[in-house]
Amino acid sequence: MVDFGRLPEECILHVLSRTSPEDVCRAAMVCPVFRSAANFDFLWEKFLPFDVDDILSRAVDRIEYSSKKELYFNLCDPIFIDDGKMSFCLEKSSGRKCYMLSPKLLRLEGFEWISLRDSRFSKVAELVDGPWLEIYGTLETKILSRETTYGVHLVFSIVERSRGLDRFHKATVKLGGNVSHRVGRFRGRKRKQPSSNGSNLAAVEVMEPHRRPDGWMEIEIGEFYTRDGDDGEVKMCVVDNNARHISGLIVHGIDIRPKC
């Protein structure tokens, strides 16, 4: 049996720093040596974002912490940044960055501002009766984690008396020359979406909404990959320009988080 207590502390820290936060927490349960090493600031600095000081400076509320480990786990719960127009958190198992854009950072056509008690942001947007749906958003990839596939999720809820939300809408996520196209709808049973020429041979799977742990609904509108040193702007949109009447959709924001 290996006696980990005989290994130099620097060696143990180096090995743990090459793993993940989840692996470190598991290792801490193996023996006292790993448990002691798992509390060092040096180790958790490796898992915190390189721009963590900038993120903290943009926080609406001051983040209190007594160690880098405590700071890491404090950031695993969403915090508000940029005057409350965006939320930020870390994926607990990996330390990768997650952002949610409030409706205030989106370009919305035909929406009105309302307040809801259970929403993350102070203002959300409700689509009033209109002939179309248009939602646009952008985000700079330089603030995201590198070498990561991100999913883009429109977070929403639906009022009781809604119209036109069982129609199909088109969603696009674009980063540079890479474009992700999706087709989906906000409510209705799962079925195939016929192609524009009416041929079922070209049918595509409809992206269905899912209920989140916070009670809201979400639908994945696309994905993109962040390459190291390849900064750019992610462009996101959800449109339906052919509806006669569409209303009752409440947009809570766009959630951008790493895919499993």
C-alpha atoms as a PDB file:
ATOM      1  CA  MET A   1       0.000   0.000   0.000  1.00  0.00           C
ATOM      2  CA  VAL A   2       1.278   3.483  -0.909  1.00  0.00           C
ATOM      3  CA  ASP A   3       2.107   5.690   2.075  1.00  0.00           C
ATOM      4  CA  PHE A   4       0.961   9.099   0.793  1.00  0.00           C
ATOM      5  CA  GLY A   5       2.258  10.691   3.991  1.00  0.00           C
ATOM      6  CA  ARG A   6       5.815  10.158   2.770  1.00  0.00           C
ATOM      7  CA  LEU A   7       5.267  12.189  -0.409  1.00  0.00           C
ATOM      8  CA  PRO A   8       6.381  15.846  -0.373  1.00  0.00           C
ATOM      9  CA  GLU A   9       3.480  18.255   0.072  1.00  0.00           C
ATOM     10  CA  GLU A  10       4.475  20.091  -3.113  1.00  0.00           C
ATOM     11  CA  CYS A  11       4.175  16.845  -5.054  1.00  0.00           C
ATOM     12  CA  ILE A  12       0.683  16.159  -3.757  1.00  0.00           C
ATOM     13  CA  LEU A  13      -0.459  19.703  -4.523  1.00  0.00           C
ATOM     14  CA  HIS A  14       0.970  19.483  -8.030  1.00  0.00           C
ATOM     15  CA  VAL A  15      -0.854  16.222  -8.716  1.00  0.00           C
ATOM     16  CA  LEU A  16      -4.163  17.502  -7.362  1.00  0.00           C
ATOM     17  CA  SER A  17      -3.870  20.738  -9.336  1.00  0.00           C
ATOM     18  CA  ARG A  18      -3.809  18.660 -12.530  1.00  0.00           C
ATOM     19  CA  THR A  19      -7.224  17.179 -11.752  1.00  0.00           C
ATOM     20  CA  SER A  20     -10.578  18.895 -11.220  1.00  0.00           C
ATOM     21  CA  PRO A  21     -12.445  20.362  -8.229  1.00  0.00           C
ATOM     22  CA  GLU A  22     -14.635  17.272  -8.176  1.00  0.00           C
ATOM     23  CA  ASP A  23     -11.579  14.989  -8.091  1.00  0.00           C
ATOM     24  CA  VAL A  24      -9.997  17.032  -5.296  1.00  0.00           C
ATOM     25  CA  CYS A  25     -13.111  16.692  -3.137  1.00  0.00           C
ATOM     26  CA  ARG A  26     -13.113  12.941  -3.718  1.00  0.00           C
ATOM     27  CA  ALA A  27      -9.405  12.666  -2.924  1.00  0.00           C
ATOM     28  CA  ALA A  28      -9.955  14.559   0.333  1.00  0.00           C
ATOM     29  CA  MET A  29     -12.025  11.617   1.563  1.00  0.00           C
ATOM     30  CA  VAL A  30      -9.237   9.113   0.910  1.00  0.00           C
ATOM     31  CA  CYS A  31      -6.742  10.068   3.613  1.00  0.00           C
ATOM     32  CA  PRO A  32      -5.749  12.946   5.945  1.00  0.00           C
ATOM     33  CA  VAL A  33      -2.839  13.966   3.683  1.00  0.00           C
ATOM     34  CA  PHE A  34      -5.123  14.659   0.728  1.00  0.00           C
ATOM     35  CA  ARG A  35      -7.677  16.260   3.031  1.00  0.00           C
ATOM     36  CA  SER A  36      -5.066  18.708   4.292  1.00  0.00           C
ATOM     37  CA  ALA A  37      -3.796  19.490   0.786  1.00  0.00           C
ATOM     38  CA  ALA A  38      -7.352  20.083  -0.432  1.00  0.00           C
ATOM     39  CA  ASN A  39      -7.572  23.241   1.707  1.00  0.00           C
ATOM     40  CA  PHE A  40      -4.536  25.064   0.298  1.00  0.00           C
ATOM     41  CA  ASP A  41      -5.147  28.387  -1.456  1.00  0.00           C
ATOM     42  CA  PHE A  42      -2.498  27.448  -4.023  1.00  0.00           C
ATOM     43  CA  LEU A  43      -4.661  24.556  -5.204  1.00  0.00           C
ATOM     44  CA  TRP A  44      -7.956  26.435  -5.485  1.00  0.00           C
ATOM     45  CA  GLU A  45      -6.298  29.346  -7.269  1.00  0.00           C
ATOM     46  CA  LYS A  46      -5.728  26.876 -10.108  1.00  0.00           C
ATOM     47  CA  PHE A  47      -9.463  26.259 -10.369  1.00  0.00           C
ATOM     48  CA  LEU A  48     -10.622  29.864 -10.102  1.00  0.00           C
ATOM     49  CA  PRO A  49     -10.971  31.864 -13.359  1.00  0.00           C
ATOM     50  CA  PHE A  50      -7.882  33.859 -14.324  1.00  0.00           C
ATOM     51  CA  ASP A  51     -10.073  36.988 -14.355  1.00  0.00           C
ATOM     52  CA  VAL A  52     -11.761  36.326 -11.017  1.00  0.00           C
ATOM     53  CA  ASP A  53     -10.706  39.730  -9.658  1.00  0.00           C
ATOM     54  CA  ASP A  54     -12.446  41.454 -12.562  1.00  0.00           C
ATOM     55  CA  ILE A  55     -15.565  39.354 -12.023  1.00  0.00           C
ATOM     56  CA  LEU A  56     -15.633  40.226  -8.318  1.00  0.00           C
ATOM     57  CA  SER A  57     -15.221  43.922  -9.127  1.00  0.00           C
ATOM     58  CA  ARG A  58     -18.342  43.732 -11.296  1.00  0.00           C
ATOM     59  CA  ALA A  59     -20.444  41.960  -8.651  1.00  0.00           C
ATOM     60  CA  VAL A  60     -23.520  43.798  -7.430  1.00  0.00           C
ATOM     61  CA  ASP A  61     -22.976  42.540  -3.875  1.00  0.00           C
ATOM     62  CA  ARG A  62     -19.624  42.067  -2.176  1.00  0.00           C
ATOM     63  CA  ILE A  63     -18.520  38.417  -2.036  1.00  0.00           C
ATOM     64  CA  GLU A  64     -17.144  37.536   1.393  1.00  0.00           C
ATOM     65  CA  TYR A  65     -14.614  34.714   1.739  1.00  0.00           C
ATOM     66  CA  SER A  66     -11.774  33.660   4.028  1.00  0.00           C
ATOM     67  CA  SER A  67      -9.987  31.279   1.641  1.00  0.00           C
ATOM     68  CA  LYS A  68      -9.759  30.583  -2.078  1.00  0.00           C
ATOM     69  CA  LYS A  69     -11.655  27.339  -1.529  1.00  0.00           C
ATOM     70  CA  GLU A  70     -14.513  29.232   0.095  1.00  0.00           C
ATOM     71  CA  LEU A  71     -14.465  31.743  -2.742  1.00  0.00           C
ATOM     72  CA  TYR A  72     -14.661  28.933  -5.291  1.00  0.00           C
ATOM     73  CA  PHE A  73     -17.746  27.403  -3.720  1.00  0.00           C
ATOM     74  CA  ASN A  74     -19.355  30.822  -3.188  1.00  0.00           C
ATOM     75  CA  LEU A  75     -19.067  31.356  -6.941  1.00  0.00           C
ATOM     76  CA  CYS A  76     -20.773  28.041  -7.645  1.00  0.00           C
ATOM     77  CA  ASP A  77     -24.016  29.845  -6.776  1.00  0.00           C
ATOM     78  CA  PRO A  78     -25.084  32.567  -9.255  1.00  0.00           C
ATOM     79  CA  ILE A  79     -24.023  36.123  -8.459  1.00  0.00           C
ATOM     80  CA  PHE A  80     -25.256  39.284 -10.158  1.00  0.00           C
ATOM     81  CA  ILE A  81     -22.760  41.347 -12.139  1.00  0.00           C
ATOM     82  CA  ASP A  82     -22.896  44.408 -14.399  1.00  0.00           C
ATOM     83  CA  ASP A  83     -25.608  46.249 -12.452  1.00  0.00           C
ATOM     84  CA  GLY A  84     -27.720  43.100 -12.250  1.00  0.00           C
ATOM     85  CA  LYS A  85     -28.036  42.670 -16.007  1.00  0.00           C
ATOM     86  CA  MET A  86     -26.130  39.388 -15.999  1.00  0.00           C
ATOM     87  CA  SER A  87     -25.492  36.515 -13.612  1.00  0.00           C
ATOM     88  CA  PHE A  88     -22.310  34.475 -13.300  1.00  0.00           C
ATOM     89  CA  CYS A  89     -21.404  31.185 -11.652  1.00  0.00           C
ATOM     90  CA  LEU A  90     -18.924  28.339 -11.865  1.00  0.00           C
ATOM     91  CA  GLU A  91     -19.822  24.798 -12.817  1.00  0.00           C
ATOM     92  CA  LYS A  92     -19.111  23.085  -9.490  1.00  0.00           C
ATOM     93  CA  SER A  93     -17.515  19.905 -10.846  1.00  0.00           C
ATOM     94  CA  SER A  94     -15.132  21.573 -13.313  1.00  0.00           C
ATOM     95  CA  GLY A  95     -14.826  25.284 -12.520  1.00  0.00           C
ATOM     96  CA  ARG A  96     -15.920  26.282 -16.022  1.00  0.00           C
ATOM     97  CA  LYS A  97     -17.760  29.582 -16.371  1.00  0.00           C
ATOM     98  CA  CYS A  98     -21.518  29.944 -16.798  1.00  0.00           C
ATOM     99  CA  TYR A  99     -23.381  33.139 -17.665  1.00  0.00           C
ATOM    100  CA  MET A 100     -27.017  34.113 -17.909  1.00  0.00           C
ATOM    101  CA  LEU A 101     -28.007  37.211 -19.876  1.00  0.00           C
ATOM    102  CA  SER A 102     -30.986  39.121 -18.556  1.00  0.00           C
ATOM    103  CA  PRO A 103     -33.663  40.318 -20.999  1.00  0.00           C
ATOM    104  CA  LYS A 104     -32.178  43.813 -20.613  1.00  0.00           C
ATOM    105  CA  LEU A 105     -29.136  42.595 -22.596  1.00  0.00           C
ATOM    106  CA  LEU A 106     -31.265  41.159 -25.400  1.00  0.00           C
ATOM    107  CA  ARG A 107     -32.914  42.809 -28.376  1.00  0.00           C
ATOM    108  CA  LEU A 108     -36.590  41.952 -28.205  1.00  0.00           C
ATOM    109  CA  GLU A 109     -39.344  42.929 -30.628  1.00  0.00           C
ATOM    110  CA  GLY A 110     -42.918  43.299 -29.373  1.00  0.00           C
ATOM    111  CA  PHE A 111     -42.183  42.714 -25.672  1.00  0.00           C
ATOM    112  CA  GLU A 112     -43.190  44.647 -22.558  1.00  0.00           C
ATOM    113  CA  TRP A 113     -41.227  44.869 -19.304  1.00  0.00           C
ATOM    114  CA  ILE A 114     -42.761  43.263 -16.231  1.00  0.00           C
ATOM    115  CA  SER A 115     -41.604  42.145 -12.766  1.00  0.00           C
ATOM    116  CA  LEU A 116     -42.071  38.625 -11.414  1.00  0.00           C
ATOM    117  CA  ARG A 117     -41.373  37.527  -7.848  1.00  0.00           C
ATOM    118  CA  ASP A 118     -39.760  34.216  -8.828  1.00  0.00           C
ATOM    119  CA  SER A 119     -37.521  35.550 -11.605  1.00  0.00           C
ATOM    120  CA  ARG A 120     -33.768  35.830 -11.170  1.00  0.00           C
ATOM    121  CA  PHE A 121     -33.694  39.327 -12.667  1.00  0.00           C
ATOM    122  CA  SER A 122     -35.623  42.433 -11.577  1.00  0.00           C
ATOM    123  CA  LYS A 123     -37.241  42.817 -15.000  1.00  0.00           C
ATOM    124  CA  VAL A 124     -38.367  40.188 -17.486  1.00  0.00           C
ATOM    125  CA  ALA A 125     -40.042  40.602 -20.871  1.00  0.00           C
ATOM    126  CA  GLU A 126     -43.520  39.455 -21.883  1.00  0.00           C
ATOM    127  CA  LEU A 127     -44.498  39.117 -25.520  1.00  0.00           C
ATOM    128  CA  VAL A 128     -47.749  40.946 -26.192  1.00  0.00           C
ATOM    129  CA  ASP A 129     -50.073  40.023 -29.033  1.00  0.00           C
ATOM    130  CA  GLY A 130     -48.191  40.485 -32.293  1.00  0.00           C
ATOM    131  CA  PRO A 131     -47.484  38.957 -35.709  1.00  0.00           C
ATOM    132  CA  TRP A 132     -43.936  37.804 -35.074  1.00  0.00           C
ATOM    133  CA  LEU A 133     -41.297  36.679 -32.589  1.00  0.00           C
ATOM    134  CA  GLU A 134     -37.762  38.085 -32.587  1.00  0.00           C
ATOM    135  CA  ILE A 135     -35.144  37.579 -29.857  1.00  0.00           C
ATOM    136  CA  TYR A 136     -31.491  38.498 -30.409  1.00  0.00           C
ATOM    137  CA  GLY A 137     -28.449  38.345 -28.132  1.00  0.00           C
ATOM    138  CA  THR A 138     -24.649  38.525 -28.278  1.00  0.00           C
ATOM    139  CA  LEU A 139     -21.766  37.581 -25.985  1.00  0.00           C
ATOM    140  CA  GLU A 140     -17.992  37.949 -26.244  1.00  0.00           C
ATOM    141  CA  THR A 141     -16.264  34.552 -25.999  1.00  0.00           C
ATOM    142  CA  LYS A 142     -13.231  36.069 -24.262  1.00  0.00           C
ATOM    143  CA  ILE A 143     -15.137  35.965 -20.953  1.00  0.00           C
ATOM    144  CA  LEU A 144     -15.880  32.229 -21.278  1.00  0.00           C
ATOM    145  CA  SER A 145     -13.827  29.135 -20.476  1.00  0.00           C
ATOM    146  CA  ARG A 146     -11.491  27.883 -23.189  1.00  0.00           C
ATOM    147  CA  GLU A 147     -11.709  24.574 -25.052  1.00  0.00           C
ATOM    148  CA  THR A 148     -15.325  24.154 -23.998  1.00  0.00           C
ATOM    149  CA  THR A 149     -18.550  23.270 -25.795  1.00  0.00           C
ATOM    150  CA  TYR A 150     -21.308  25.582 -24.593  1.00  0.00           C
ATOM    151  CA  GLY A 151     -25.039  25.088 -24.888  1.00  0.00           C
ATOM    152  CA  VAL A 152     -27.246  28.154 -25.338  1.00  0.00           C
ATOM    153  CA  HIS A 153     -30.629  27.920 -23.605  1.00  0.00           C
ATOM    154  CA  LEU A 154     -33.553  30.316 -23.834  1.00  0.00           C
ATOM    155  CA  VAL A 155     -35.173  30.449 -20.381  1.00  0.00           C
ATOM    156  CA  PHE A 156     -38.871  31.265 -20.357  1.00  0.00           C
ATOM    157  CA  SER A 157     -42.310  30.758 -18.880  1.00  0.00           C
ATOM    158  CA  ILE A 158     -45.770  30.932 -20.428  1.00  0.00           C
ATOM    159  CA  VAL A 159     -48.846  32.753 -19.182  1.00  0.00           C
ATOM    160  CA  GLU A 160     -52.098  30.830 -18.919  1.00  0.00           C
ATOM    161  CA  ARG A 161     -53.777  32.615 -21.833  1.00  0.00           C
ATOM    162  CA  SER A 162     -51.107  32.389 -24.507  1.00  0.00           C
ATOM    163  CA  ARG A 163     -51.391  32.184 -28.278  1.00  0.00           C
ATOM    164  CA  GLY A 164     -49.256  30.802 -31.090  1.00  0.00           C
ATOM    165  CA  LEU A 165     -46.596  29.159 -28.913  1.00  0.00           C
ATOM    166  CA  ASP A 166     -47.201  25.692 -30.353  1.00  0.00           C
ATOM    167  CA  ARG A 167     -45.854  26.928 -33.693  1.00  0.00           C
ATOM    168  CA  PHE A 168     -42.354  26.052 -34.820  1.00  0.00           C
ATOM    169  CA  HIS A 169     -39.655  28.692 -34.448  1.00  0.00           C
ATOM    170  CA  LYS A 170     -36.150  28.839 -35.830  1.00  0.00           C
ATOM    171  CA  ALA A 171     -33.070  29.343 -33.665  1.00  0.00           C
ATOM    172  CA  THR A 172     -29.514  30.124 -34.702  1.00  0.00           C
ATOM    173  CA  VAL A 173     -26.259  30.382 -32.739  1.00  0.00           C
ATOM    174  CA  LYS A 174     -23.286  31.681 -34.710  1.00  0.00           C
ATOM    175  CA  LEU A 175     -19.609  32.030 -33.815  1.00  0.00           C
ATOM    176  CA  GLY A 176     -17.359  33.040 -36.674  1.00  0.00           C
ATOM    177  CA  GLY A 177     -18.019  30.713 -39.590  1.00  0.00           C
ATOM    178  CA  ASN A 178     -19.638  28.064 -37.395  1.00  0.00           C
ATOM    179  CA  VAL A 179     -23.426  28.130 -37.291  1.00  0.00           C
ATOM    180  CA  SER A 180     -25.758  25.962 -35.200  1.00  0.00           C
ATOM    181  CA  HIS A 181     -29.344  25.732 -36.474  1.00  0.00           C
ATOM    182  CA  ARG A 182     -32.231  24.407 -34.427  1.00  0.00           C
ATOM    183  CA  VAL A 183     -35.995  24.112 -34.820  1.00  0.00           C
ATOM    184  CA  GLY A 184     -38.260  24.036 -31.794  1.00  0.00           C
ATOM    185  CA  ARG A 185     -41.365  25.304 -30.095  1.00  0.00           C
ATOM    186  CA  PHE A 186     -42.372  26.452 -26.650  1.00  0.00           C
ATOM    187  CA  ARG A 187     -45.279  24.073 -26.098  1.00  0.00           C
ATOM    188  CA  GLY A 188     -46.993  21.120 -27.745  1.00  0.00           C
ATOM    189  CA  ARG A 189     -46.340  17.459 -28.228  1.00  0.00           C
ATOM    190  CA  LYS A 190     -43.170  16.168 -29.784  1.00  0.00           C
ATOM    191  CA  ARG A 191     -43.399  15.561 -33.513  1.00  0.00           C
ATOM    192  CA  LYS A 192     -41.487  16.063 -36.747  1.00  0.00           C
ATOM    193  CA  GLN A 193     -41.104  19.442 -38.380  1.00  0.00           C
ATOM    194  CA  PRO A 194     -41.762  19.173 -42.130  1.00  0.00           C
ATOM    195  CA  SER A 195     -39.318  20.841 -44.500  1.00  0.00           C
ATOM    196  CA  SER A 196     -40.182  24.029 -46.362  1.00  0.00           C
ATOM    197  CA  ASN A 197     -41.052  22.067 -49.499  1.00  0.00           C
ATOM    198  CA  GLY A 198     -43.438  19.816 -47.584  1.00  0.00           C
ATOM    199  CA  SER A 199     -41.347  16.674 -48.025  1.00  0.00           C
ATOM    200  CA  ASN A 200     -41.202  14.436 -44.983  1.00  0.00           C
ATOM    201  CA  LEU A 201     -37.879  13.060 -46.217  1.00  0.00           C
ATOM    202  CA  ALA A 202     -36.203  16.213 -44.969  1.00  0.00           C
ATOM    203  CA  ALA A 203     -37.961  16.229 -41.598  1.00  0.00           C
ATOM    204  CA  VAL A 204     -35.868  17.222 -38.606  1.00  0.00           C
ATOM    205  CA  GLU A 205     -36.262  16.530 -34.908  1.00  0.00           C
ATOM    206  CA  VAL A 206     -37.976  19.263 -32.929  1.00  0.00           C
ATOM    207  CA  MET A 207     -36.121  20.623 -29.898  1.00  0.00           C
ATOM    208  CA  GLU A 208     -38.467  20.280 -26.935  1.00  0.00           C
ATOM    209  CA  PRO A 209     -38.599  22.490 -23.815  1.00  0.00           C
ATOM    210  CA  HIS A 210     -37.578  21.110 -20.426  1.00  0.00           C
ATOM    211  CA  ARG A 211     -38.378  22.211 -16.896  1.00  0.00           C
ATOM    212  CA  ARG A 212     -35.413  23.523 -14.904  1.00  0.00           C
ATOM    213  CA  PRO A 213     -34.799  22.907 -11.183  1.00  0.00           C
ATOM    214  CA  ASP A 214     -35.801  26.543 -10.538  1.00  0.00           C
ATOM    215  CA  GLY A 215     -39.230  25.881 -12.067  1.00  0.00           C
ATOM    216  CA  TRP A 216     -38.784  27.839 -15.290  1.00  0.00           C
ATOM    217  CA  MET A 217     -38.725  26.224 -18.707  1.00  0.00           C
ATOM    218  CA  GLU A 218     -35.834  26.227 -21.147  1.00  0.00           C
ATOM    219  CA  ILE A 219     -35.079  25.126 -24.662  1.00  0.00           C
ATOM    220  CA  GLU A 220     -31.608  24.670 -26.148  1.00  0.00           C
ATOM    221  CA  ILE A 221     -31.363  26.950 -29.159  1.00  0.00           C
ATOM    222  CA  GLY A 222     -27.823  25.990 -30.206  1.00  0.00           C
ATOM    223  CA  GLU A 223     -24.234  25.347 -29.200  1.00  0.00           C
ATOM    224  CA  PHE A 224     -20.693  26.539 -29.927  1.00  0.00           C
ATOM    225  CA  TYR A 225     -17.096  25.682 -29.074  1.00  0.00           C
ATOM    226  CA  THR A 226     -14.533  28.093 -27.590  1.00  0.00           C
ATOM    227  CA  ARG A 227     -11.043  27.532 -28.965  1.00  0.00           C
ATOM    228  CA  ASP A 228      -7.986  28.771 -27.095  1.00  0.00           C
ATOM    229  CA  GLY A 229      -6.868  32.142 -28.423  1.00  0.00           C
ATOM    230  CA  ASP A 230      -9.800  32.417 -30.835  1.00  0.00           C
ATOM    231  CA  ASP A 231     -11.917  35.247 -29.404  1.00  0.00           C
ATOM    232  CA  GLY A 232     -15.097  36.349 -31.113  1.00  0.00           C
ATOM    233  CA  GLU A 233     -18.714  37.280 -30.628  1.00  0.00           C
ATOM    234  CA  VAL A 234     -21.440  34.668 -30.273  1.00  0.00           C
ATOM    235  CA  LYS A 235     -24.658  35.743 -31.983  1.00  0.00           C
ATOM    236  CA  MET A 236     -27.930  34.135 -30.886  1.00  0.00           C
ATOM    237  CA  CYS A 237     -31.429  34.520 -32.252  1.00  0.00           C
ATOM    238  CA  VAL A 238     -34.891  32.966 -32.048  1.00  0.00           C
ATOM    239  CA  VAL A 239     -37.396  34.039 -34.712  1.00  0.00           C
ATOM    240  CA  ASP A 240     -40.838  33.271 -36.066  1.00  0.00           C
ATOM    241  CA  ASN A 241     -41.802  35.801 -38.713  1.00  0.00           C
ATOM    242  CA  ASN A 242     -44.909  34.034 -40.011  1.00  0.00           C
ATOM    243  CA  ALA A 243     -47.185  33.982 -36.967  1.00  0.00           C
ATOM    244  CA  ARG A 244     -50.506  35.802 -37.185  1.00  0.00           C
ATOM    245  CA  HIS A 245     -50.973  36.072 -33.449  1.00  0.00           C
ATOM    246  CA  ILE A 246     -48.386  35.157 -30.829  1.00  0.00           C
ATOM    247  CA  SER A 247     -48.437  36.186 -27.174  1.00  0.00           C
ATOM    248  CA  GLY A 248     -47.937  35.021 -23.608  1.00  0.00           C
ATOM    249  CA  LEU A 249     -44.224  34.173 -23.756  1.00  0.00           C
ATOM    250  CA  ILE A 250     -42.175  35.526 -20.850  1.00  0.00           C
ATOM    251  CA  VAL A 251     -38.422  35.643 -21.473  1.00  0.00           C
ATOM    252  CA  HIS A 252     -36.330  35.290 -18.305  1.00  0.00           C
ATOM    253  CA  GLY A 253     -32.981  35.350 -20.131  1.00  0.00           C
ATOM    254  CA  ILE A 254     -30.475  33.295 -22.088  1.00  0.00           C
ATOM    255  CA  ASP A 255     -28.409  30.755 -20.144  1.00  0.00           C
ATOM    256  CA  ILE A 256     -24.962  29.895 -21.543  1.00  0.00           C
ATOM    257  CA  ARG A 257     -23.350  26.935 -19.797  1.00  0.00           C
ATOM    258  CA  PRO A 258     -20.933  24.068 -20.584  1.00  0.00           C
ATOM    259  CA  LYS A 259     -22.396  20.919 -22.046  1.00  0.00           C
ATOM    260  CA  CYS A 260     -21.705  17.571 -20.388  1.00  0.00           C
END
